[in-house]
Amino acid sequence: MNTENFDLLLADGDETTAGNYFVANYPPFSFWQKDEATIAKVREVLQQPAPPDNALGIYFHIPFCRKRCHFCYFRVYTDKNADEIKGYIDAGMSEYERYAATPRMAGRKPKFVYFGGGTPSYLSVSQLKTLTDRMKALHPWDEVEEVAFEAEPGTLNEAKLAAIREIGVTRLSLGVENFDKHLLEVNGRAHREDEIYRAYSFARSIGFPQINIDLIAGMIEETDENWQRNIAKTIELQPDSVTIYQMEIPYNTTIYQQMKAEGKLVAPVACWHTKRRWVDEAFTALEQNGYTVTSATTAVRDPEKTKFVYRDELWKGADLLGLGVASFSHVGGVHFQNLPDFESYTDAVHRGELPIGRALPTTPEERMIRELILQLKLGRVSQSYFRDKFGIEPRTRFPQQIAELERRGMLSEQGDWLVLTRDALLKIDVILHAFFLPQHQNARYT
């Protein structure tokens, strides 16, 4: 990785074009394979007992929404009735039962559980209780450290929030994104500002251990004035944690479809320089009000109490069993994703098959790089962790990349730790490509 390549990676002020920017895993998804020989590797690893110190997480994808946001790139549906939703939950549990009976999964207890979407809070109280009771029967939650649950404010009322807390949710993540009525509307969000305050107030009153607020910097028609209002409103609410994403326009979004139809290459959102500035302004204001920045996207009020177990364990190589349409899993160094549409997923389950659509077995080196890349997003990496687990140190394996970041004042060595600056964190998803293996660089991410 030479200086010229770093210059290209770190170019600032660039316009937002279509494509995935956020690095969520490694190797890139575009390298995952759909052939039967590769998918067979999943079945092989499921026949091997899990190492005793390997944490297990369960992810359940709820793909239903009131509306599809214009920037959404997840597999979601807005047209399913109650019978179809029940059928989907039954299919997800049938899938879960098959996994739970394998040597890799049998008898384990999850350390973390995550309900993502879509909109998990779209489900009714009875659907939520039925689903979680059935899940607990397969893998008891008595040793779980975190149950995280994504929620859209407009789907929440007092009865549903009480039920969400009752089933064991410890981390409620409210998809606020923005506090402005107009911006919510033009970006396709279903909720409105008053619903945010109502949901947050009751959630706080019934004692969720952690309430997170999601924001997006750079939505369509975002302005400096509006962004400052978002920061002020967030600080006023004092959530336990705040997650801020920089707007990107993946190919499977309605924004991209409109760009394509109009022959436009640049998305109608702020450039990367502006989005990074906005995130920096938010983090600075949060720090001035007692928060601590704990990752490239997260600030928390109390780092000793407020953890994100799902993220931290996943980024240290935990097994993650993803259930439902298009869900991602990582088990024993093998990545796999379920079939990507409702009908093919449910049909495969009804045929008695594991509904896997593509997979990728990884090498020890790829697993090491995956953990390094993801942990760099925390802003600091322990060199001894990688020495003890993988027999290498990041500085030895990536001397050019680390030396170049040091030369640019973006990284420093502080005892055992390699520590990134704020500027580096704001650009972390482009910096990470410098650590990719040569065959994975300059390739489409998804």
Protein backbone atom coordinates (compact mmCIF):
# COMPACT_ATOMS: atom_id res chain seq x y z
CA MET A 1 0.00 0.00 0.00
CA ASN A 2 1.85 3.06 -1.23
CA THR A 3 1.33 6.76 -0.53
CA GLU A 4 -0.49 7.33 -3.79
CA ASN A 5 -3.06 4.67 -2.94
CA PHE A 6 -3.65 6.29 0.44
CA ASP A 7 -4.16 9.63 -1.26
CA LEU A 8 -6.88 8.06 -3.39
CA LEU A 9 -8.54 6.42 -0.39
CA LEU A 10 -8.51 9.55 1.74
CA ALA A 11 -9.61 12.04 -0.90
CA ASP A 12 -11.94 14.48 0.86
CA GLY A 13 -14.85 16.52 -0.43
CA ASP A 14 -15.98 13.80 -2.83
CA GLU A 15 -19.59 13.66 -3.94
CA THR A 16 -21.86 10.83 -2.84
CA THR A 17 -22.27 8.34 -5.67
CA ALA A 18 -24.12 5.02 -5.63
CA GLY A 19 -22.62 2.02 -3.92
CA ASN A 20 -21.90 0.59 -0.48
CA TYR A 21 -19.51 2.56 1.70
CA PHE A 22 -20.04 1.09 5.18
CA VAL A 23 -17.72 -1.89 5.83
CA ALA A 24 -19.72 -4.43 7.83
CA ASN A 25 -17.71 -7.59 7.22
CA TYR A 26 -14.74 -9.13 5.46
CA PRO A 27 -14.05 -10.54 2.90
CA PRO A 28 -16.41 -8.41 0.77
CA PHE A 29 -19.84 -9.86 0.09
CA SER A 30 -19.21 -9.86 -3.65
CA PHE A 31 -16.80 -12.78 -3.12
CA TRP A 32 -19.40 -15.02 -1.46
CA GLN A 33 -20.38 -17.99 -3.64
CA LYS A 34 -23.74 -19.58 -4.54
CA ASP A 35 -22.44 -22.98 -5.67
CA GLU A 36 -23.36 -26.14 -3.82
CA ALA A 37 -19.76 -27.08 -2.99
CA THR A 38 -19.28 -23.81 -1.10
CA ILE A 39 -22.64 -24.01 0.67
CA ALA A 40 -21.76 -27.58 1.71
CA LYS A 41 -19.01 -26.06 3.88
CA VAL A 42 -21.76 -24.62 6.10
CA ARG A 43 -23.19 -28.07 6.73
CA GLU A 44 -19.69 -29.35 7.49
CA VAL A 45 -18.96 -26.74 10.15
CA LEU A 46 -22.37 -27.33 11.74
CA GLN A 47 -21.35 -30.94 12.38
CA GLN A 48 -18.37 -29.83 14.48
CA PRO A 49 -18.83 -29.00 18.18
CA ALA A 50 -18.20 -25.37 19.09
CA PRO A 51 -15.04 -24.48 21.04
CA PRO A 52 -15.90 -23.99 24.73
CA ASP A 53 -14.93 -20.30 24.74
CA ASN A 54 -16.84 -19.38 21.58
CA ALA A 55 -19.77 -17.01 22.20
CA LEU A 56 -23.07 -17.56 20.40
CA GLY A 57 -25.42 -14.87 19.15
CA ILE A 58 -28.84 -15.23 17.55
CA TYR A 59 -30.11 -12.76 14.97
CA PHE A 60 -33.75 -12.86 13.84
CA HIS A 61 -34.70 -10.78 10.82
CA ILE A 62 -38.19 -9.23 10.85
CA PRO A 63 -38.59 -7.95 7.27
CA PHE A 64 -41.88 -6.06 7.65
CA CYS A 65 -42.34 -2.28 7.55
CA ARG A 66 -45.12 0.28 7.29
CA LYS A 67 -43.20 2.00 4.48
CA ARG A 68 -39.95 1.42 2.63
CA CYS A 69 -37.53 4.28 3.28
CA HIS A 70 -36.00 5.75 0.14
CA PHE A 71 -32.48 4.98 1.41
CA CYS A 72 -33.23 1.47 2.70
CA TYR A 73 -31.18 -1.38 1.27
CA PHE A 74 -32.41 -4.19 3.53
CA ARG A 75 -34.83 -6.93 2.52
CA VAL A 76 -38.18 -5.54 3.68
CA TYR A 77 -41.86 -5.95 2.76
CA THR A 78 -44.76 -3.56 3.21
CA ASP A 79 -47.53 -5.74 1.75
CA LYS A 80 -47.76 -8.81 4.00
CA ASN A 81 -50.94 -9.65 5.92
CA ALA A 82 -51.26 -11.29 9.34
CA ASP A 83 -51.39 -14.83 7.93
CA GLU A 84 -48.25 -14.26 5.86
CA ILE A 85 -46.44 -12.81 8.87
CA LYS A 86 -47.43 -15.82 10.97
CA GLY A 87 -46.23 -18.13 8.20
CA TYR A 88 -42.91 -16.31 8.09
CA ILE A 89 -42.40 -16.60 11.85
CA ASP A 90 -43.23 -20.31 11.65
CA ALA A 91 -40.70 -20.70 8.83
CA GLY A 92 -38.04 -18.87 10.85
CA MET A 93 -38.64 -21.13 13.81
CA SER A 94 -38.52 -24.25 11.64
CA GLU A 95 -35.16 -23.02 10.36
CA TYR A 96 -34.01 -22.38 13.92
CA GLU A 97 -35.07 -25.88 15.06
CA ARG A 98 -32.88 -27.47 12.39
CA TYR A 99 -29.85 -25.45 13.42
CA ALA A 100 -30.45 -26.02 17.13
CA ALA A 101 -30.24 -29.79 16.57
CA THR A 102 -26.76 -29.65 14.98
CA PRO A 103 -23.60 -30.48 16.97
CA ARG A 104 -22.39 -26.87 16.58
CA MET A 105 -25.53 -25.40 18.17
CA ALA A 106 -27.01 -28.08 20.42
CA GLY A 107 -26.98 -27.32 24.13
CA ARG A 108 -25.51 -23.83 23.82
CA LYS A 109 -26.85 -20.70 25.46
CA PRO A 110 -26.69 -17.40 23.57
CA LYS A 111 -24.63 -14.54 24.92
CA PHE A 112 -26.58 -12.04 22.84
CA VAL A 113 -29.79 -11.89 20.80
CA TYR A 114 -30.62 -9.30 18.15
CA PHE A 115 -33.92 -8.52 16.44
CA GLY A 116 -33.32 -6.53 13.27
CA GLY A 117 -35.27 -5.52 10.23
CA GLY A 118 -37.20 -4.24 8.64
CA THR A 119 -39.11 -3.30 11.74
CA PRO A 120 -39.23 -5.81 14.61
CA SER A 121 -41.67 -3.50 16.41
CA TYR A 122 -44.09 -4.00 13.49
CA LEU A 123 -45.06 -7.32 15.11
CA SER A 124 -48.02 -7.46 17.46
CA VAL A 125 -47.66 -8.15 21.18
CA SER A 126 -48.93 -11.71 20.75
CA GLN A 127 -46.59 -12.35 17.82
CA LEU A 128 -43.61 -11.07 19.81
CA LYS A 129 -44.41 -13.20 22.84
CA THR A 130 -45.01 -16.32 20.78
CA LEU A 131 -41.81 -15.87 18.82
CA THR A 132 -39.57 -15.26 21.81
CA ASP A 133 -41.12 -18.07 23.89
CA ARG A 134 -40.35 -20.48 21.05
CA MET A 135 -36.80 -19.15 20.73
CA LYS A 136 -36.13 -19.52 24.45
CA ALA A 137 -37.32 -23.13 24.33
CA LEU A 138 -34.53 -23.93 21.86
CA HIS A 139 -31.73 -21.85 23.41
CA PRO A 140 -32.55 -20.54 26.91
CA TRP A 141 -31.88 -16.87 27.55
CA ASP A 142 -31.00 -17.24 31.24
CA GLU A 143 -27.32 -16.43 30.56
CA VAL A 144 -27.89 -13.82 27.85
CA GLU A 145 -26.05 -10.53 28.41
CA GLU A 146 -27.96 -8.48 25.84
CA VAL A 147 -31.20 -8.66 23.88
CA ALA A 148 -31.21 -5.86 21.31
CA PHE A 149 -34.34 -4.78 19.47
CA GLU A 150 -34.74 -2.29 16.62
CA ALA A 151 -37.92 -0.20 16.71
CA GLU A 152 -39.61 2.41 14.54
CA PRO A 153 -41.16 5.03 16.87
CA GLY A 154 -44.50 5.13 15.05
CA THR A 155 -45.13 1.42 15.66
CA LEU A 156 -44.78 1.74 19.42
CA ASN A 157 -47.44 2.25 22.06
CA GLU A 158 -47.43 1.64 25.81
CA ALA A 159 -48.69 -1.94 25.58
CA LYS A 160 -46.14 -2.92 22.95
CA LEU A 161 -43.22 -1.27 24.75
CA ALA A 162 -44.23 -3.01 27.98
CA ALA A 163 -44.31 -6.33 26.12
CA ILE A 164 -40.91 -5.69 24.52
CA ARG A 165 -39.42 -5.07 27.94
CA GLU A 166 -41.24 -8.10 29.41
CA ILE A 167 -39.81 -10.54 26.84
CA GLY A 168 -36.33 -9.56 27.99
CA VAL A 169 -35.14 -6.77 25.69
CA THR A 170 -32.27 -4.86 27.30
CA ARG A 171 -31.22 -2.59 24.42
CA LEU A 172 -34.01 -0.72 22.64
CA SER A 173 -32.76 1.02 19.50
CA LEU A 174 -35.08 3.72 18.18
CA GLY A 175 -34.73 4.42 14.47
CA VAL A 176 -35.16 8.18 14.81
CA GLU A 177 -32.82 9.14 11.90
CA ASN A 178 -33.98 12.79 12.02
CA PHE A 179 -36.27 14.96 14.14
CA ASP A 180 -37.62 17.10 11.28
CA LYS A 181 -41.10 16.30 9.93
CA HIS A 182 -40.28 17.41 6.40
CA LEU A 183 -37.01 15.50 6.18
CA LEU A 184 -38.65 12.37 7.55
CA GLU A 185 -41.33 12.65 4.89
CA VAL A 186 -39.09 13.32 1.88
CA ASN A 187 -36.79 10.45 2.88
CA GLY A 188 -39.71 8.03 3.12
CA ARG A 189 -39.77 7.50 6.89
CA ALA A 190 -43.11 6.41 8.31
CA HIS A 191 -42.89 8.07 11.73
CA ARG A 192 -43.13 11.73 12.73
CA GLU A 193 -41.46 13.85 15.40
CA ASP A 194 -44.19 13.66 18.03
CA GLU A 195 -44.09 9.85 17.86
CA ILE A 196 -40.38 9.94 18.72
CA TYR A 197 -40.98 11.81 21.97
CA ARG A 198 -43.98 9.71 22.95
CA ALA A 199 -42.16 6.41 22.39
CA TYR A 200 -38.96 7.58 24.07
CA SER A 201 -40.77 8.95 27.12
CA PHE A 202 -42.64 5.75 27.85
CA ALA A 203 -39.64 3.54 27.09
CA ARG A 204 -37.63 5.52 29.60
CA SER A 205 -40.40 5.32 32.21
CA ILE A 206 -40.55 1.51 32.18
CA GLY A 207 -36.84 1.05 32.71
CA PHE A 208 -35.09 -0.27 29.63
CA PRO A 209 -31.46 -0.72 30.69
CA GLN A 210 -30.28 0.91 27.47
CA ILE A 211 -32.04 3.13 24.95
CA ASN A 212 -30.17 3.93 21.76
CA ILE A 213 -31.11 6.57 19.21
CA ASP A 214 -30.09 6.15 15.57
CA LEU A 215 -29.37 9.25 13.48
CA ILE A 216 -28.30 9.61 9.84
CA ALA A 217 -26.07 12.47 8.77
CA GLY A 218 -26.80 13.69 5.26
CA MET A 219 -30.37 12.68 4.49
CA ILE A 220 -32.06 14.24 1.46
CA GLU A 221 -32.46 18.02 2.04
CA GLU A 222 -30.36 17.96 5.24
CA THR A 223 -28.99 21.39 6.17
CA ASP A 224 -26.53 22.72 8.74
CA GLU A 225 -29.39 24.31 10.67
CA ASN A 226 -31.40 21.11 10.75
CA TRP A 227 -28.39 19.02 11.76
CA GLN A 228 -27.68 21.32 14.70
CA ARG A 229 -31.30 20.90 15.77
CA ASN A 230 -30.91 17.11 15.61
CA ILE A 231 -27.89 17.33 17.89
CA ALA A 232 -29.71 19.57 20.37
CA LYS A 233 -32.81 17.36 20.44
CA THR A 234 -30.69 14.25 21.00
CA ILE A 235 -28.80 15.84 23.89
CA GLU A 236 -32.10 17.01 25.35
CA LEU A 237 -33.40 13.42 25.46
CA GLN A 238 -30.16 12.06 27.00
CA PRO A 239 -30.30 8.55 25.52
CA ASP A 240 -27.85 6.00 26.86
CA SER A 241 -26.21 5.73 23.45
CA VAL A 242 -26.35 7.50 20.11
CA THR A 243 -25.47 5.84 16.81
CA ILE A 244 -24.78 8.11 13.84
CA TYR A 245 -24.42 6.79 10.30
CA GLN A 246 -23.25 8.73 7.26
CA MET A 247 -25.79 8.49 4.45
CA GLU A 248 -24.84 6.16 1.62
CA ILE A 249 -26.83 5.16 -1.48
CA PRO A 250 -26.54 1.41 -2.15
CA TYR A 251 -27.71 0.12 -5.50
CA ASN A 252 -30.91 -1.50 -4.21
CA THR A 253 -32.46 1.75 -2.92
CA THR A 254 -35.27 3.80 -4.42
CA ILE A 255 -32.92 6.82 -4.45
CA TYR A 256 -30.56 4.93 -6.75
CA GLN A 257 -33.42 3.80 -8.97
CA GLN A 258 -34.44 7.44 -9.40
CA MET A 259 -30.83 8.46 -10.09
CA LYS A 260 -30.56 5.73 -12.70
CA ALA A 261 -33.81 6.76 -14.39
CA GLU A 262 -32.66 10.38 -14.55
CA GLY A 263 -29.14 9.50 -15.69
CA LYS A 264 -27.54 11.04 -12.60
CA LEU A 265 -24.26 9.83 -11.11
CA VAL A 266 -24.29 11.96 -7.95
CA ALA A 267 -26.87 11.30 -5.24
CA PRO A 268 -29.09 14.17 -4.01
CA VAL A 269 -27.42 14.18 -0.58
CA ALA A 270 -24.47 15.93 1.06
CA CYS A 271 -20.90 15.15 -0.02
CA TRP A 272 -18.70 13.02 2.22
CA HIS A 273 -16.76 16.01 3.52
CA THR A 274 -19.98 17.58 4.82
CA LYS A 275 -21.29 14.36 6.32
CA ARG A 276 -18.03 13.77 8.16
CA ARG A 277 -18.11 17.33 9.46
CA TRP A 278 -21.65 16.84 10.72
CA VAL A 279 -20.75 13.62 12.55
CA ASP A 280 -17.73 15.36 14.06
CA GLU A 281 -19.92 18.25 15.24
CA ALA A 282 -22.35 15.80 16.82
CA PHE A 283 -19.61 13.84 18.58
CA THR A 284 -18.00 17.05 19.85
CA ALA A 285 -21.32 18.33 21.24
CA LEU A 286 -22.06 14.95 22.84
CA GLU A 287 -18.61 14.88 24.46
CA GLN A 288 -19.21 18.36 25.85
CA ASN A 289 -22.36 16.96 27.45
CA GLY A 290 -20.71 14.00 29.14
CA TYR A 291 -20.73 11.36 26.41
CA THR A 292 -17.77 9.25 25.30
CA VAL A 293 -17.17 8.30 21.67
CA THR A 294 -16.66 4.52 21.64
CA SER A 295 -16.60 3.78 17.91
CA ALA A 296 -16.75 5.44 14.52
CA THR A 297 -20.53 5.57 14.83
CA THR A 298 -21.30 5.52 18.56
CA ALA A 299 -21.25 7.78 21.61
CA VAL A 300 -22.42 6.59 25.05
CA ARG A 301 -23.21 8.31 28.32
CA ASP A 302 -21.51 5.76 30.57
CA PRO A 303 -18.92 3.48 28.93
CA GLU A 304 -18.75 1.31 32.06
CA LYS A 305 -22.46 0.50 31.96
CA THR A 306 -23.42 0.92 28.32
CA LYS A 307 -22.07 -1.86 26.11
CA PHE A 308 -23.07 -3.18 22.71
CA VAL A 309 -22.48 -6.90 23.15
CA TYR A 310 -23.77 -7.84 19.69
CA ARG A 311 -21.15 -5.65 18.01
CA ASP A 312 -18.25 -6.38 20.33
CA GLU A 313 -18.64 -10.16 20.34
CA LEU A 314 -19.29 -10.35 16.60
CA TRP A 315 -16.14 -8.33 15.96
CA LYS A 316 -14.15 -10.81 18.06
CA GLY A 317 -15.24 -13.83 16.01
CA ALA A 318 -18.36 -15.02 17.85
CA ASP A 319 -20.72 -17.44 16.15
CA LEU A 320 -23.75 -15.56 14.84
CA LEU A 321 -26.75 -17.58 13.69
CA GLY A 322 -28.90 -15.42 11.41
CA LEU A 323 -32.52 -16.52 10.95
CA GLY A 324 -35.01 -15.31 8.36
CA VAL A 325 -34.92 -14.04 4.81
CA ALA A 326 -31.55 -12.68 3.62
CA SER A 327 -30.02 -13.00 7.11
CA PHE A 328 -26.25 -13.19 7.52
CA SER A 329 -24.46 -15.76 9.67
CA HIS A 330 -20.89 -16.41 10.75
CA VAL A 331 -20.15 -19.84 12.22
CA GLY A 332 -16.71 -21.29 12.77
CA GLY A 333 -15.09 -19.03 10.20
CA VAL A 334 -17.70 -19.74 7.52
CA HIS A 335 -19.88 -16.84 6.35
CA PHE A 336 -23.29 -17.52 4.84
CA GLN A 337 -26.44 -15.68 3.89
CA ASN A 338 -29.98 -16.94 3.56
CA LEU A 339 -31.92 -16.83 0.31
CA PRO A 340 -32.74 -13.21 -0.51
CA ASP A 341 -36.50 -13.14 -1.12
CA PHE A 342 -39.60 -14.12 0.83
CA GLU A 343 -40.89 -16.91 -1.41
CA SER A 344 -37.61 -18.70 -2.08
CA TYR A 345 -36.74 -18.55 1.62
CA THR A 346 -40.05 -19.95 2.88
CA ASP A 347 -40.22 -22.56 0.09
CA ALA A 348 -36.77 -23.88 1.02
CA VAL A 349 -37.74 -24.14 4.69
CA HIS A 350 -40.97 -25.96 3.80
CA ARG A 351 -38.94 -28.45 1.77
CA GLY A 352 -36.93 -29.22 4.89
CA GLU A 353 -33.77 -27.51 3.66
CA LEU A 354 -31.49 -24.97 5.26
CA PRO A 355 -32.37 -21.84 3.23
CA ILE A 356 -28.79 -20.81 2.44
CA GLY A 357 -28.23 -18.70 -0.67
CA ARG A 358 -24.47 -18.10 -0.66
CA ALA A 359 -21.45 -18.72 1.54
CA LEU A 360 -17.73 -18.18 1.98
CA PRO A 361 -15.32 -20.33 4.04
CA THR A 362 -12.46 -18.12 5.22
CA THR A 363 -8.78 -18.75 5.77
CA PRO A 364 -7.08 -18.05 9.12
CA GLU A 365 -5.51 -14.94 7.56
CA GLU A 366 -8.89 -13.66 6.37
CA ARG A 367 -10.35 -14.22 9.82
CA MET A 368 -7.51 -12.25 11.39
CA ILE A 369 -7.97 -9.39 8.91
CA ARG A 370 -11.73 -9.42 9.48
CA GLU A 371 -11.31 -8.94 13.21
CA LEU A 372 -8.63 -6.27 12.74
CA ILE A 373 -10.72 -4.31 10.26
CA LEU A 374 -13.84 -4.41 12.40
CA GLN A 375 -12.03 -3.62 15.65
CA LEU A 376 -10.34 -0.64 14.03
CA LYS A 377 -13.84 0.84 13.83
CA LEU A 378 -13.71 1.04 17.63
CA GLY A 379 -10.87 3.52 17.30
CA ARG A 380 -8.30 1.42 19.15
CA VAL A 381 -6.82 -2.04 18.65
CA SER A 382 -4.94 -4.16 21.18
CA GLN A 383 -1.77 -5.55 19.64
CA SER A 384 -1.50 -8.27 22.28
CA TYR A 385 -5.02 -9.50 21.43
CA PHE A 386 -3.89 -10.32 17.90
CA ARG A 387 -0.58 -11.73 19.09
CA ASP A 388 -2.31 -14.07 21.56
CA LYS A 389 -5.13 -15.16 19.24
CA PHE A 390 -3.48 -15.21 15.81
CA GLY A 391 0.25 -15.21 16.54
CA ILE A 392 0.85 -11.88 14.76
CA GLU A 393 0.87 -8.21 15.64
CA PRO A 394 -0.87 -5.67 13.40
CA ARG A 395 2.26 -3.53 13.06
CA THR A 396 4.28 -6.52 11.86
CA ARG A 397 1.61 -7.73 9.42
CA PHE A 398 0.71 -4.28 8.05
CA PRO A 399 3.84 -2.14 8.48
CA GLN A 400 3.23 0.14 5.48
CA GLN A 401 -0.40 0.87 6.29
CA ILE A 402 0.28 1.65 9.95
CA ALA A 403 3.40 3.70 9.20
CA GLU A 404 1.47 5.75 6.62
CA LEU A 405 -1.37 6.43 9.06
CA GLU A 406 1.20 7.51 11.65
CA ARG A 407 2.92 9.77 9.13
CA ARG A 408 -0.40 11.46 8.41
CA GLY A 409 -1.08 11.96 12.12
CA MET A 410 -4.09 9.63 12.04
CA LEU A 411 -2.76 6.86 14.31
CA SER A 412 -0.47 6.61 17.33
CA GLU A 413 0.91 3.80 19.46
CA GLN A 414 -0.06 4.10 23.10
CA GLY A 415 1.36 1.18 25.03
CA ASP A 416 -0.33 -1.97 23.78
CA TRP A 417 -2.85 0.03 21.78
CA LEU A 418 -2.92 1.39 18.26
CA VAL A 419 -5.19 4.43 18.59
CA LEU A 420 -6.89 6.27 15.72
CA THR A 421 -7.63 9.98 15.70
CA ARG A 422 -11.11 11.43 15.24
CA ASP A 423 -10.26 12.35 11.67
CA ALA A 424 -9.34 8.74 10.95
CA LEU A 425 -12.52 7.45 12.59
CA LEU A 426 -14.66 9.72 10.43
CA LYS A 427 -13.05 8.16 7.33
CA ILE A 428 -12.63 4.67 8.71
CA ASP A 429 -14.69 2.86 6.08
CA VAL A 430 -12.38 4.03 3.30
CA ILE A 431 -9.20 3.54 5.35
CA LEU A 432 -10.10 -0.09 5.99
CA HIS A 433 -9.68 -0.97 2.31
CA ALA A 434 -5.93 -0.46 2.74
CA PHE A 435 -5.92 -3.58 4.94
CA PHE A 436 -7.77 -5.77 2.43
CA LEU A 437 -5.82 -8.56 0.75
CA PRO A 438 -4.80 -7.65 -2.83
CA GLN A 439 -7.44 -9.89 -4.40
CA HIS A 440 -10.18 -8.07 -2.47
CA GLN A 441 -9.12 -4.52 -3.29
CA ASN A 442 -10.68 -2.44 -6.07
CA ALA A 443 -13.65 -4.81 -6.20
CA ARG A 444 -17.33 -4.21 -5.63
CA TYR A 445 -18.09 -4.62 -1.92
CA THR A 446 -21.55 -6.22 -2.25
